[in-house]
Amino acid sequence: MEYYAARFNAVEINSSFYRPHKRSTYERWRESTPAEFRFSVKLPSSVTHESALRRCGAQLRSFLKEVSGLDRKLRVLLIQTPGSLAFEARATARFFATLTAASPCSVVCEPRHASWFSSKAEETLSRYGVGRVASDPAKVPEAAVPGGTRNLMYYRLHGSPKMYYSAYSSEYLNELAEKMTSRTRSKEIWCVFDNTARYASWDNALELQQLITD
């Protein structure tokens, strides 16, 4: 973590989706990073996939207790829903209300079912201050563009054309940098590279960082 934090100012913890981490683990990560470093943490699959955002209070409370070890360095909570989970206004609103009341962090959602890109879904996201992730590859065209609240924009790039493997070209990264720097109405913008299978994420992140800071 120290090596990573010396080069970047934020990280997304994705392993929390697959297994819980002790609060002491999050505390160790907090202590091993600079004061201005920030974390995004992905909600566990027990909440998003197994419970489908319903009747998951116990799992959610346990997760929030664990990640509280990051203290003020915890900036974003990431919800990734499965492709099988259609948008259902009442259940989604109830879940967002519970989560946003329980944590002061920003919340973003990466949905993978086409119904989440309707006007009703967009209204629900905006009402609870939840950002919709801009993802690549995009499941539907709208998924490539940030949605929901404009206070925070969050890009998750999984590698294209082969997810988790393909590196992004300099041309793509230049276009992305222009988009990110032109969205001045957003208070904060995150970009996470998930094309980690062949370690392309590291070089892509460094190149994008250079483009943005130049």
N, C-alpha and C. Protein backbone atom coordinates (compact mmCIF):
# COMPACT_ATOMS: atom_id res chain seq x y z
N MET A 1 0.82 -1.21 0.00
CA MET A 1 0.00 0.00 0.00
C MET A 1 0.86 1.26 0.00
N GLU A 2 1.99 1.23 0.76
CA GLU A 2 2.86 2.40 0.80
C GLU A 2 3.41 2.74 -0.59
N TYR A 3 3.82 1.72 -1.33
CA TYR A 3 4.37 1.92 -2.67
C TYR A 3 3.32 2.54 -3.58
N TYR A 4 2.10 2.02 -3.52
CA TYR A 4 1.00 2.55 -4.34
C TYR A 4 0.69 3.99 -3.95
N ALA A 5 0.57 4.25 -2.66
CA ALA A 5 0.17 5.57 -2.18
C ALA A 5 1.22 6.63 -2.47
N ALA A 6 2.45 6.22 -2.75
CA ALA A 6 3.49 7.19 -3.10
C ALA A 6 3.30 7.71 -4.52
N ARG A 7 2.46 7.04 -5.30
CA ARG A 7 2.28 7.40 -6.71
C ARG A 7 0.86 7.88 -7.04
N PHE A 8 -0.12 7.46 -6.24
CA PHE A 8 -1.50 7.84 -6.49
C PHE A 8 -2.11 8.39 -5.20
N ASN A 9 -3.22 9.13 -5.35
CA ASN A 9 -3.83 9.75 -4.18
C ASN A 9 -5.11 9.06 -3.71
N ALA A 10 -5.46 7.94 -4.37
CA ALA A 10 -6.69 7.23 -3.98
C ALA A 10 -6.62 5.80 -4.49
N VAL A 11 -7.43 4.94 -3.89
CA VAL A 11 -7.50 3.54 -4.31
C VAL A 11 -8.90 3.00 -4.07
N GLU A 12 -9.30 2.07 -4.92
CA GLU A 12 -10.56 1.36 -4.71
C GLU A 12 -10.26 -0.02 -4.14
N ILE A 13 -10.88 -0.34 -3.01
CA ILE A 13 -10.75 -1.67 -2.42
C ILE A 13 -11.86 -2.54 -3.00
N ASN A 14 -11.47 -3.47 -3.87
CA ASN A 14 -12.42 -4.34 -4.55
C ASN A 14 -12.57 -5.68 -3.84
N SER A 15 -11.56 -6.08 -3.08
CA SER A 15 -11.58 -7.39 -2.41
C SER A 15 -12.69 -7.50 -1.36
N SER A 16 -13.18 -6.37 -0.88
CA SER A 16 -14.27 -6.38 0.11
C SER A 16 -15.56 -6.94 -0.47
N PHE A 17 -15.66 -6.98 -1.79
CA PHE A 17 -16.82 -7.58 -2.45
C PHE A 17 -16.85 -9.09 -2.23
N TYR A 18 -15.67 -9.70 -2.17
CA TYR A 18 -15.56 -11.15 -2.10
C TYR A 18 -15.46 -11.69 -0.68
N ARG A 19 -14.88 -10.91 0.21
CA ARG A 19 -14.69 -11.39 1.58
C ARG A 19 -14.58 -10.19 2.53
N PRO A 20 -14.97 -10.36 3.77
CA PRO A 20 -14.84 -9.25 4.73
C PRO A 20 -13.40 -9.08 5.17
N HIS A 21 -13.07 -7.85 5.56
CA HIS A 21 -11.76 -7.56 6.14
C HIS A 21 -11.98 -7.07 7.57
N LYS A 22 -11.08 -7.38 8.44
CA LYS A 22 -11.18 -6.91 9.82
C LYS A 22 -11.04 -5.39 9.87
N ARG A 23 -11.66 -4.81 10.88
CA ARG A 23 -11.51 -3.37 11.06
C ARG A 23 -10.04 -3.00 11.21
N SER A 24 -9.27 -3.86 11.85
CA SER A 24 -7.84 -3.59 12.05
C SER A 24 -7.09 -3.54 10.73
N THR A 25 -7.57 -4.29 9.72
CA THR A 25 -6.94 -4.25 8.40
C THR A 25 -7.14 -2.88 7.77
N TYR A 26 -8.38 -2.37 7.85
CA TYR A 26 -8.64 -1.04 7.33
C TYR A 26 -7.86 0.01 8.11
N GLU A 27 -7.72 -0.17 9.39
CA GLU A 27 -6.93 0.77 10.19
C GLU A 27 -5.47 0.77 9.75
N ARG A 28 -4.94 -0.41 9.44
CA ARG A 28 -3.56 -0.50 8.98
C ARG A 28 -3.38 0.21 7.64
N TRP A 29 -4.36 0.04 6.75
CA TRP A 29 -4.30 0.74 5.46
C TRP A 29 -4.37 2.25 5.67
N ARG A 30 -5.20 2.66 6.59
CA ARG A 30 -5.32 4.09 6.88
C ARG A 30 -3.99 4.66 7.37
N GLU A 31 -3.35 3.94 8.28
CA GLU A 31 -2.11 4.42 8.88
C GLU A 31 -0.92 4.37 7.93
N SER A 32 -1.01 3.54 6.90
CA SER A 32 0.13 3.38 6.00
C SER A 32 0.06 4.30 4.79
N THR A 33 -0.92 5.22 4.76
CA THR A 33 -1.09 6.12 3.62
C THR A 33 -1.01 7.58 4.07
N PRO A 34 -0.65 8.48 3.16
CA PRO A 34 -0.54 9.90 3.51
C PRO A 34 -1.87 10.50 3.98
N ALA A 35 -1.79 11.62 4.63
CA ALA A 35 -2.97 12.24 5.23
C ALA A 35 -4.04 12.56 4.20
N GLU A 36 -3.64 12.95 2.97
CA GLU A 36 -4.61 13.35 1.96
C GLU A 36 -5.13 12.18 1.13
N PHE A 37 -4.63 10.98 1.37
CA PHE A 37 -5.03 9.80 0.60
C PHE A 37 -6.47 9.41 0.93
N ARG A 38 -7.20 8.93 -0.11
CA ARG A 38 -8.60 8.57 0.08
C ARG A 38 -8.90 7.18 -0.47
N PHE A 39 -9.94 6.54 0.11
CA PHE A 39 -10.33 5.19 -0.26
C PHE A 39 -11.77 5.14 -0.77
N SER A 40 -11.96 4.28 -1.73
CA SER A 40 -13.29 3.86 -2.15
C SER A 40 -13.38 2.37 -1.82
N VAL A 41 -14.50 1.93 -1.27
CA VAL A 41 -14.63 0.52 -0.88
C VAL A 41 -15.93 -0.05 -1.46
N LYS A 42 -15.80 -1.21 -2.06
CA LYS A 42 -16.93 -1.87 -2.71
C LYS A 42 -17.75 -2.67 -1.71
N LEU A 43 -19.07 -2.51 -1.77
CA LEU A 43 -19.95 -3.24 -0.88
C LEU A 43 -19.86 -4.75 -1.16
N PRO A 44 -20.05 -5.58 -0.14
CA PRO A 44 -19.93 -7.02 -0.31
C PRO A 44 -21.03 -7.63 -1.18
N SER A 45 -20.71 -8.74 -1.82
CA SER A 45 -21.68 -9.43 -2.68
C SER A 45 -22.88 -9.94 -1.88
N SER A 46 -22.70 -10.14 -0.58
CA SER A 46 -23.83 -10.58 0.26
C SER A 46 -24.95 -9.55 0.27
N VAL A 47 -24.58 -8.27 0.07
CA VAL A 47 -25.56 -7.18 0.03
C VAL A 47 -26.12 -6.99 -1.38
N THR A 48 -25.24 -6.95 -2.35
CA THR A 48 -25.66 -6.58 -3.71
C THR A 48 -26.15 -7.75 -4.55
N HIS A 49 -25.55 -8.91 -4.38
CA HIS A 49 -25.89 -10.05 -5.23
C HIS A 49 -26.76 -11.09 -4.52
N GLU A 50 -26.37 -11.48 -3.33
CA GLU A 50 -27.13 -12.49 -2.61
C GLU A 50 -28.46 -11.94 -2.08
N SER A 51 -28.42 -10.75 -1.50
CA SER A 51 -29.62 -10.13 -0.94
C SER A 51 -30.32 -9.21 -1.92
N ALA A 52 -29.66 -8.85 -3.01
CA ALA A 52 -30.24 -7.98 -4.03
C ALA A 52 -30.77 -6.67 -3.44
N LEU A 53 -30.02 -6.11 -2.47
CA LEU A 53 -30.32 -4.83 -1.81
C LEU A 53 -31.54 -4.90 -0.90
N ARG A 54 -32.04 -6.09 -0.60
CA ARG A 54 -33.23 -6.27 0.24
C ARG A 54 -32.87 -7.03 1.52
N ARG A 55 -33.47 -6.61 2.61
CA ARG A 55 -33.33 -7.30 3.89
C ARG A 55 -31.87 -7.67 4.17
N CYS A 56 -31.02 -6.69 4.07
CA CYS A 56 -29.58 -6.91 4.24
C CYS A 56 -29.00 -6.01 5.33
N GLY A 57 -29.84 -5.61 6.27
CA GLY A 57 -29.41 -4.69 7.31
C GLY A 57 -28.22 -5.19 8.12
N ALA A 58 -28.26 -6.47 8.49
CA ALA A 58 -27.18 -7.02 9.32
C ALA A 58 -25.86 -7.03 8.56
N GLN A 59 -25.91 -7.45 7.29
CA GLN A 59 -24.68 -7.47 6.49
C GLN A 59 -24.14 -6.07 6.27
N LEU A 60 -25.05 -5.12 6.05
CA LEU A 60 -24.63 -3.74 5.81
C LEU A 60 -24.00 -3.13 7.06
N ARG A 61 -24.61 -3.37 8.20
CA ARG A 61 -24.05 -2.84 9.46
C ARG A 61 -22.67 -3.42 9.74
N SER A 62 -22.49 -4.70 9.49
CA SER A 62 -21.20 -5.33 9.70
C SER A 62 -20.13 -4.72 8.79
N PHE A 63 -20.50 -4.53 7.54
CA PHE A 63 -19.57 -3.93 6.58
C PHE A 63 -19.19 -2.51 7.00
N LEU A 64 -20.15 -1.71 7.37
CA LEU A 64 -19.87 -0.32 7.74
C LEU A 64 -19.01 -0.24 9.01
N LYS A 65 -19.20 -1.19 9.90
CA LYS A 65 -18.36 -1.23 11.10
C LYS A 65 -16.92 -1.54 10.73
N GLU A 66 -16.72 -2.45 9.80
CA GLU A 66 -15.37 -2.80 9.35
C GLU A 66 -14.68 -1.60 8.69
N VAL A 67 -15.35 -0.98 7.72
CA VAL A 67 -14.71 0.09 6.95
C VAL A 67 -14.54 1.37 7.76
N SER A 68 -15.19 1.45 8.91
CA SER A 68 -15.01 2.63 9.76
C SER A 68 -13.57 2.75 10.23
N GLY A 69 -12.79 1.67 10.08
CA GLY A 69 -11.38 1.72 10.42
C GLY A 69 -10.60 2.69 9.54
N LEU A 70 -11.17 3.05 8.39
CA LEU A 70 -10.52 4.04 7.52
C LEU A 70 -10.75 5.47 8.00
N ASP A 71 -11.73 5.63 8.84
CA ASP A 71 -12.06 6.94 9.41
C ASP A 71 -12.29 7.96 8.29
N ARG A 72 -11.70 9.13 8.37
CA ARG A 72 -11.97 10.19 7.40
C ARG A 72 -11.36 9.93 6.02
N LYS A 73 -10.54 8.92 5.90
CA LYS A 73 -9.97 8.59 4.59
C LYS A 73 -10.95 7.80 3.72
N LEU A 74 -12.02 7.33 4.30
CA LEU A 74 -13.05 6.65 3.52
C LEU A 74 -13.90 7.70 2.82
N ARG A 75 -13.83 7.74 1.50
CA ARG A 75 -14.51 8.78 0.74
C ARG A 75 -15.72 8.28 -0.02
N VAL A 76 -15.65 7.06 -0.60
CA VAL A 76 -16.71 6.57 -1.48
C VAL A 76 -17.08 5.13 -1.13
N LEU A 77 -18.37 4.84 -1.18
CA LEU A 77 -18.88 3.48 -1.09
C LEU A 77 -19.42 3.11 -2.47
N LEU A 78 -18.95 2.00 -2.99
CA LEU A 78 -19.31 1.56 -4.34
C LEU A 78 -20.29 0.40 -4.29
N ILE A 79 -21.43 0.57 -4.97
CA ILE A 79 -22.42 -0.49 -5.13
C ILE A 79 -22.33 -0.99 -6.56
N GLN A 80 -22.08 -2.28 -6.73
CA GLN A 80 -22.11 -2.87 -8.07
C GLN A 80 -23.19 -3.94 -8.09
N THR A 81 -24.22 -3.71 -8.87
CA THR A 81 -25.33 -4.67 -8.92
C THR A 81 -25.14 -5.64 -10.09
N PRO A 82 -25.64 -6.86 -9.96
CA PRO A 82 -25.47 -7.85 -11.02
C PRO A 82 -26.36 -7.57 -12.23
N GLY A 83 -26.00 -8.17 -13.35
CA GLY A 83 -26.78 -7.98 -14.57
C GLY A 83 -28.18 -8.53 -14.47
N SER A 84 -28.41 -9.40 -13.51
CA SER A 84 -29.74 -10.00 -13.33
C SER A 84 -30.67 -9.14 -12.48
N LEU A 85 -30.13 -8.10 -11.84
CA LEU A 85 -30.94 -7.29 -10.91
C LEU A 85 -31.53 -6.08 -11.63
N ALA A 86 -32.82 -6.15 -11.90
CA ALA A 86 -33.53 -5.04 -12.54
C ALA A 86 -33.80 -3.95 -11.51
N PHE A 87 -33.95 -2.73 -11.99
CA PHE A 87 -34.27 -1.60 -11.12
C PHE A 87 -35.69 -1.74 -10.61
N GLU A 88 -35.85 -1.61 -9.30
CA GLU A 88 -37.17 -1.62 -8.66
C GLU A 88 -37.20 -0.42 -7.73
N ALA A 89 -38.03 0.55 -8.07
CA ALA A 89 -37.97 1.86 -7.43
C ALA A 89 -38.09 1.82 -5.92
N ARG A 90 -39.06 1.08 -5.40
CA ARG A 90 -39.28 1.10 -3.95
C ARG A 90 -38.12 0.46 -3.19
N ALA A 91 -37.67 -0.71 -3.63
CA ALA A 91 -36.58 -1.40 -2.95
C ALA A 91 -35.28 -0.61 -3.04
N THR A 92 -35.03 -0.03 -4.21
CA THR A 92 -33.80 0.75 -4.39
C THR A 92 -33.81 2.00 -3.53
N ALA A 93 -34.94 2.70 -3.49
CA ALA A 93 -35.04 3.91 -2.68
C ALA A 93 -34.86 3.57 -1.20
N ARG A 94 -35.42 2.48 -0.76
CA ARG A 94 -35.29 2.07 0.65
C ARG A 94 -33.83 1.79 0.98
N PHE A 95 -33.15 1.10 0.07
CA PHE A 95 -31.75 0.77 0.32
C PHE A 95 -30.88 2.03 0.33
N PHE A 96 -31.06 2.90 -0.66
CA PHE A 96 -30.28 4.13 -0.72
C PHE A 96 -30.52 4.99 0.53
N ALA A 97 -31.76 5.05 0.96
CA ALA A 97 -32.09 5.85 2.15
C ALA A 97 -31.37 5.31 3.38
N THR A 98 -31.34 3.99 3.51
CA THR A 98 -30.67 3.35 4.64
C THR A 98 -29.17 3.59 4.60
N LEU A 99 -28.57 3.39 3.44
CA LEU A 99 -27.12 3.52 3.33
C LEU A 99 -26.67 4.96 3.52
N THR A 100 -27.31 5.89 2.87
CA THR A 100 -26.88 7.29 2.96
C THR A 100 -27.12 7.87 4.35
N ALA A 101 -28.10 7.32 5.08
CA ALA A 101 -28.33 7.77 6.45
C ALA A 101 -27.29 7.18 7.40
N ALA A 102 -26.75 6.01 7.07
CA ALA A 102 -25.82 5.31 7.95
C ALA A 102 -24.38 5.74 7.76
N SER A 103 -24.08 6.39 6.63
CA SER A 103 -22.69 6.77 6.34
C SER A 103 -22.62 8.15 5.72
N PRO A 104 -21.64 8.95 6.13
CA PRO A 104 -21.48 10.29 5.53
C PRO A 104 -20.75 10.25 4.19
N CYS A 105 -20.31 9.09 3.75
CA CYS A 105 -19.53 8.98 2.52
C CYS A 105 -20.38 9.22 1.29
N SER A 106 -19.70 9.59 0.22
CA SER A 106 -20.35 9.61 -1.09
C SER A 106 -20.66 8.17 -1.49
N VAL A 107 -21.72 8.01 -2.29
CA VAL A 107 -22.15 6.68 -2.74
C VAL A 107 -22.26 6.70 -4.26
N VAL A 108 -21.71 5.67 -4.90
CA VAL A 108 -21.86 5.50 -6.34
C VAL A 108 -22.35 4.09 -6.63
N CYS A 109 -23.02 3.96 -7.76
CA CYS A 109 -23.61 2.68 -8.13
C CYS A 109 -23.24 2.33 -9.56
N GLU A 110 -22.78 1.10 -9.77
CA GLU A 110 -22.49 0.59 -11.11
C GLU A 110 -23.51 -0.50 -11.45
N PRO A 111 -24.65 -0.13 -12.03
CA PRO A 111 -25.67 -1.12 -12.37
C PRO A 111 -25.34 -1.81 -13.69
N ARG A 112 -25.85 -3.03 -13.85
CA ARG A 112 -25.54 -3.79 -15.06
C ARG A 112 -26.79 -4.35 -15.75
N HIS A 113 -27.93 -3.81 -15.36
CA HIS A 113 -29.18 -4.18 -16.03
C HIS A 113 -29.73 -2.93 -16.71
N ALA A 114 -30.24 -3.08 -17.92
CA ALA A 114 -30.66 -1.93 -18.73
C ALA A 114 -31.71 -1.06 -18.05
N SER A 115 -32.52 -1.64 -17.18
CA SER A 115 -33.60 -0.89 -16.53
C SER A 115 -33.08 0.21 -15.61
N TRP A 116 -31.82 0.13 -15.20
CA TRP A 116 -31.25 1.14 -14.32
C TRP A 116 -30.92 2.45 -15.04
N PHE A 117 -31.12 2.48 -16.35
CA PHE A 117 -30.80 3.68 -17.12
C PHE A 117 -32.05 4.41 -17.59
N SER A 118 -33.16 4.13 -16.92
CA SER A 118 -34.42 4.80 -17.21
C SER A 118 -34.47 6.15 -16.49
N SER A 119 -35.42 6.98 -16.87
CA SER A 119 -35.57 8.28 -16.22
C SER A 119 -35.96 8.12 -14.75
N LYS A 120 -36.75 7.09 -14.43
CA LYS A 120 -37.14 6.85 -13.05
C LYS A 120 -35.93 6.46 -12.20
N ALA A 121 -35.07 5.63 -12.74
CA ALA A 121 -33.86 5.24 -12.01
C ALA A 121 -32.95 6.45 -11.81
N GLU A 122 -32.80 7.27 -12.85
CA GLU A 122 -31.98 8.47 -12.75
C GLU A 122 -32.52 9.42 -11.68
N GLU A 123 -33.82 9.53 -11.63
CA GLU A 123 -34.45 10.39 -10.62
C GLU A 123 -34.16 9.87 -9.21
N THR A 124 -34.24 8.55 -9.03
CA THR A 124 -33.99 7.96 -7.71
C THR A 124 -32.54 8.15 -7.29
N LEU A 125 -31.61 7.92 -8.20
CA LEU A 125 -30.20 8.15 -7.90
C LEU A 125 -29.95 9.59 -7.47
N SER A 126 -30.48 10.52 -8.23
CA SER A 126 -30.28 11.94 -7.93
C SER A 126 -30.90 12.35 -6.60
N ARG A 127 -32.08 11.80 -6.31
CA ARG A 127 -32.79 12.16 -5.08
C ARG A 127 -31.97 11.80 -3.84
N TYR A 128 -31.25 10.68 -3.90
CA TYR A 128 -30.47 10.25 -2.74
C TYR A 128 -28.99 10.61 -2.86
N GLY A 129 -28.65 11.43 -3.84
CA GLY A 129 -27.28 11.88 -3.98
C GLY A 129 -26.31 10.80 -4.37
N VAL A 130 -26.79 9.81 -5.12
CA VAL A 130 -25.96 8.68 -5.55
C VAL A 130 -25.50 8.90 -6.99
N GLY A 131 -24.22 8.71 -7.23
CA GLY A 131 -23.70 8.85 -8.58
C GLY A 131 -23.78 7.52 -9.33
N ARG A 132 -24.09 7.59 -10.62
CA ARG A 132 -24.04 6.37 -11.43
C ARG A 132 -22.70 6.29 -12.14
N VAL A 133 -22.01 5.18 -11.94
CA VAL A 133 -20.68 4.98 -12.49
C VAL A 133 -20.72 4.99 -14.02
N ALA A 134 -19.71 5.58 -14.62
CA ALA A 134 -19.48 5.46 -16.06
C ALA A 134 -18.53 4.29 -16.25
N SER A 135 -18.96 3.25 -16.94
CA SER A 135 -18.16 2.04 -17.02
C SER A 135 -17.79 1.71 -18.47
N ASP A 136 -16.71 0.97 -18.60
CA ASP A 136 -16.28 0.46 -19.90
C ASP A 136 -15.72 -0.95 -19.70
N PRO A 137 -16.19 -1.91 -20.51
CA PRO A 137 -17.20 -1.79 -21.57
C PRO A 137 -18.58 -1.47 -21.01
N ALA A 138 -19.34 -0.69 -21.75
CA ALA A 138 -20.67 -0.29 -21.32
C ALA A 138 -21.70 -1.34 -21.73
N LYS A 139 -22.54 -1.74 -20.79
CA LYS A 139 -23.58 -2.74 -21.07
C LYS A 139 -24.63 -2.17 -22.02
N VAL A 140 -24.93 -0.90 -21.85
CA VAL A 140 -25.80 -0.15 -22.76
C VAL A 140 -25.10 1.19 -23.00
N PRO A 141 -25.41 1.90 -24.09
CA PRO A 141 -24.69 3.15 -24.38
C PRO A 141 -24.68 4.14 -23.21
N GLU A 142 -25.79 4.23 -22.48
CA GLU A 142 -25.89 5.19 -21.37
C GLU A 142 -24.91 4.87 -20.25
N ALA A 143 -24.48 3.62 -20.16
CA ALA A 143 -23.59 3.21 -19.07
C ALA A 143 -22.20 3.81 -19.19
N ALA A 144 -21.86 4.32 -20.36
CA ALA A 144 -20.54 4.92 -20.58
C ALA A 144 -20.45 6.34 -20.04
N VAL A 145 -21.58 6.91 -19.65
CA VAL A 145 -21.64 8.31 -19.22
C VAL A 145 -22.03 8.38 -17.74
N PRO A 146 -21.37 9.23 -16.95
CA PRO A 146 -21.77 9.37 -15.54
C PRO A 146 -23.21 9.83 -15.41
N GLY A 147 -23.89 9.34 -14.38
CA GLY A 147 -25.28 9.74 -14.14
C GLY A 147 -25.52 10.01 -12.67
N GLY A 148 -26.79 10.22 -12.32
CA GLY A 148 -27.13 10.51 -10.94
C GLY A 148 -26.61 11.86 -10.51
N THR A 149 -26.16 11.96 -9.27
CA THR A 149 -25.65 13.23 -8.76
C THR A 149 -24.45 13.69 -9.56
N ARG A 150 -24.29 15.00 -9.67
CA ARG A 150 -23.14 15.57 -10.35
C ARG A 150 -22.06 16.02 -9.37
N ASN A 151 -22.28 15.78 -8.09
CA ASN A 151 -21.28 16.17 -7.10
C ASN A 151 -20.04 15.30 -7.19
N LEU A 152 -20.20 14.06 -7.68
CA LEU A 152 -19.07 13.16 -7.82
C LEU A 152 -19.27 12.32 -9.07
N MET A 153 -18.25 12.26 -9.92
CA MET A 153 -18.29 11.40 -11.09
C MET A 153 -17.25 10.31 -10.93
N TYR A 154 -17.63 9.11 -11.31
CA TYR A 154 -16.80 7.94 -11.02
C TYR A 154 -16.72 7.07 -12.27
N TYR A 155 -15.51 6.88 -12.78
CA TYR A 155 -15.27 6.03 -13.95
C TYR A 155 -14.65 4.71 -13.49
N ARG A 156 -15.18 3.60 -14.02
CA ARG A 156 -14.57 2.27 -13.78
C ARG A 156 -14.29 1.65 -15.14
N LEU A 157 -13.02 1.45 -15.42
CA LEU A 157 -12.60 0.97 -16.73
C LEU A 157 -12.05 -0.44 -16.60
N HIS A 158 -12.79 -1.40 -17.14
CA HIS A 158 -12.49 -2.81 -16.92
C HIS A 158 -11.61 -3.43 -18.01
N GLY A 159 -11.28 -2.66 -19.03
CA GLY A 159 -10.50 -3.19 -20.15
C GLY A 159 -11.39 -3.53 -21.33
N SER A 160 -11.00 -3.07 -22.51
CA SER A 160 -11.81 -3.30 -23.71
C SER A 160 -10.86 -3.42 -24.91
N PRO A 161 -11.08 -4.42 -25.77
CA PRO A 161 -12.27 -5.27 -25.89
C PRO A 161 -12.33 -6.45 -24.93
N LYS A 162 -11.21 -6.89 -24.37
CA LYS A 162 -11.24 -8.03 -23.46
C LYS A 162 -11.22 -7.54 -22.02
N MET A 163 -12.32 -7.74 -21.33
CA MET A 163 -12.43 -7.27 -19.95
C MET A 163 -11.32 -7.85 -19.08
N TYR A 164 -10.77 -6.97 -18.25
CA TYR A 164 -9.73 -7.27 -17.26
C TYR A 164 -8.34 -7.48 -17.87
N TYR A 165 -8.26 -7.62 -19.20
CA TYR A 165 -6.99 -7.89 -19.86
C TYR A 165 -6.49 -6.73 -20.72
N SER A 166 -7.37 -6.16 -21.53
CA SER A 166 -6.95 -5.19 -22.53
C SER A 166 -6.46 -3.88 -21.91
N ALA A 167 -5.38 -3.37 -22.47
CA ALA A 167 -4.90 -2.04 -22.07
C ALA A 167 -5.61 -0.99 -22.92
N TYR A 168 -5.72 0.22 -22.38
CA TYR A 168 -6.33 1.33 -23.11
C TYR A 168 -5.25 2.08 -23.89
N SER A 169 -5.62 2.51 -25.08
CA SER A 169 -4.67 3.22 -25.94
C SER A 169 -4.46 4.64 -25.45
N SER A 170 -3.37 5.25 -25.90
CA SER A 170 -3.12 6.65 -25.56
C SER A 170 -4.20 7.56 -26.11
N GLU A 171 -4.74 7.20 -27.27
CA GLU A 171 -5.83 7.99 -27.86
C GLU A 171 -7.05 7.98 -26.95
N TYR A 172 -7.41 6.80 -26.46
CA TYR A 172 -8.57 6.69 -25.55
C TYR A 172 -8.32 7.50 -24.28
N LEU A 173 -7.13 7.39 -23.72
CA LEU A 173 -6.82 8.09 -22.48
C LEU A 173 -6.81 9.60 -22.68
N ASN A 174 -6.36 10.06 -23.82
CA ASN A 174 -6.39 11.49 -24.12
C ASN A 174 -7.83 12.00 -24.17
N GLU A 175 -8.70 11.25 -24.82
CA GLU A 175 -10.12 11.63 -24.90
C GLU A 175 -10.75 11.64 -23.52
N LEU A 176 -10.41 10.64 -22.71
CA LEU A 176 -10.95 10.56 -21.36
C LEU A 176 -10.47 11.74 -20.51
N ALA A 177 -9.21 12.08 -20.63
CA ALA A 177 -8.67 13.20 -19.86
C ALA A 177 -9.39 14.50 -20.22
N GLU A 178 -9.70 14.68 -21.49
CA GLU A 178 -10.42 15.88 -21.92
C GLU A 178 -11.83 15.90 -21.32
N LYS A 179 -12.50 14.76 -21.31
CA LYS A 179 -13.83 14.68 -20.71
C LYS A 179 -13.78 15.00 -19.23
N MET A 180 -12.82 14.41 -18.55
CA MET A 180 -12.74 14.60 -17.10
C MET A 180 -12.42 16.04 -16.72
N THR A 181 -11.50 16.65 -17.44
CA THR A 181 -11.11 18.02 -17.09
C THR A 181 -12.13 19.05 -17.54
N SER A 182 -13.01 18.68 -18.47
CA SER A 182 -14.02 19.63 -18.93
C SER A 182 -15.27 19.61 -18.07
N ARG A 183 -15.42 18.61 -17.22
CA ARG A 183 -16.62 18.49 -16.38
C ARG A 183 -16.43 19.26 -15.09
N THR A 184 -16.31 20.57 -15.24
CA THR A 184 -16.00 21.41 -14.09
C THR A 184 -17.14 21.52 -13.09
N ARG A 185 -18.34 21.17 -13.50
CA ARG A 185 -19.47 21.28 -12.57
C ARG A 185 -19.41 20.20 -11.49
N SER A 186 -18.61 19.16 -11.68
CA SER A 186 -18.47 18.12 -10.69
C SER A 186 -17.42 18.51 -9.66
N LYS A 187 -17.75 18.31 -8.39
CA LYS A 187 -16.81 18.65 -7.33
C LYS A 187 -15.64 17.69 -7.26
N GLU A 188 -15.88 16.45 -7.69
CA GLU A 188 -14.85 15.42 -7.53
C GLU A 188 -15.01 14.37 -8.63
N ILE A 189 -13.88 13.91 -9.17
CA ILE A 189 -13.90 12.89 -10.22
C ILE A 189 -12.92 11.79 -9.86
N TRP A 190 -13.40 10.56 -9.93
CA TRP A 190 -12.57 9.38 -9.69
C TRP A 190 -12.45 8.60 -11.00
N CYS A 191 -11.32 7.94 -11.18
CA CYS A 191 -11.16 7.01 -12.30
C CYS A 191 -10.38 5.80 -11.80
N VAL A 192 -10.99 4.63 -11.93
CA VAL A 192 -10.39 3.38 -11.45
C VAL A 192 -10.19 2.45 -12.65
N PHE A 193 -8.99 1.93 -12.80
CA PHE A 193 -8.69 0.96 -13.85
C PHE A 193 -8.76 -0.45 -13.26
N ASP A 194 -9.61 -1.27 -13.85
CA ASP A 194 -9.82 -2.63 -13.36
C ASP A 194 -9.25 -3.66 -14.35
N ASN A 195 -8.46 -3.22 -15.31
CA ASN A 195 -7.84 -4.13 -16.28
C ASN A 195 -6.52 -4.65 -15.71
N THR A 196 -6.66 -5.45 -14.66
CA THR A 196 -5.52 -5.84 -13.84
C THR A 196 -4.91 -7.19 -14.21
N ALA A 197 -5.57 -7.99 -15.05
CA ALA A 197 -5.12 -9.37 -15.28
C ALA A 197 -3.71 -9.42 -15.84
N ARG A 198 -3.34 -8.45 -16.68
CA ARG A 198 -1.99 -8.38 -17.22
C ARG A 198 -1.29 -7.08 -16.80
N TYR A 199 -1.76 -6.53 -15.70
CA TYR A 199 -1.12 -5.37 -15.07
C TYR A 199 -1.17 -4.11 -15.92
N ALA A 200 -2.12 -4.04 -16.85
CA ALA A 200 -2.24 -2.84 -17.69
C ALA A 200 -2.74 -1.65 -16.88
N SER A 201 -3.43 -1.92 -15.79
CA SER A 201 -4.04 -0.84 -15.00
C SER A 201 -3.00 0.15 -14.49
N TRP A 202 -1.85 -0.34 -14.08
CA TRP A 202 -0.82 0.53 -13.51
C TRP A 202 -0.34 1.56 -14.52
N ASP A 203 0.05 1.09 -15.71
CA ASP A 203 0.55 2.00 -16.73
C ASP A 203 -0.54 2.94 -17.23
N ASN A 204 -1.77 2.44 -17.39
CA ASN A 204 -2.87 3.28 -17.82
C ASN A 204 -3.15 4.39 -16.81
N ALA A 205 -3.13 4.04 -15.53
CA ALA A 205 -3.40 5.03 -14.49
C ALA A 205 -2.32 6.10 -14.44
N LEU A 206 -1.07 5.67 -14.57
CA LEU A 206 0.03 6.65 -14.58
C LEU A 206 -0.06 7.58 -15.78
N GLU A 207 -0.41 7.04 -16.94
CA GLU A 207 -0.50 7.87 -18.14
C GLU A 207 -1.65 8.87 -18.02
N LEU A 208 -2.80 8.42 -17.53
CA LEU A 208 -3.93 9.33 -17.36
C LEU A 208 -3.61 10.41 -16.33
N GLN A 209 -2.97 10.04 -15.26
CA GLN A 209 -2.59 11.00 -14.23
C GLN A 209 -1.69 12.09 -14.82
N GLN A 210 -0.76 11.68 -15.67
CA GLN A 210 0.14 12.65 -16.30
C GLN A 210 -0.61 13.58 -17.22
N LEU A 211 -1.57 13.03 -17.98
CA LEU A 211 -2.36 13.85 -18.89
C LEU A 211 -3.19 14.90 -18.15
N ILE A 212 -3.69 14.53 -17.01
CA ILE A 212 -4.55 15.43 -16.24
C ILE A 212 -3.75 16.52 -15.56
N THR A 213 -2.56 16.17 -15.09
CA THR A 213 -1.76 17.14 -14.33
C THR A 213 -0.90 18.04 -15.21
N ASP A 214 -0.71 17.67 -16.47
CA ASP A 214 0.10 18.51 -17.37
C ASP A 214 -0.57 19.86 -17.63
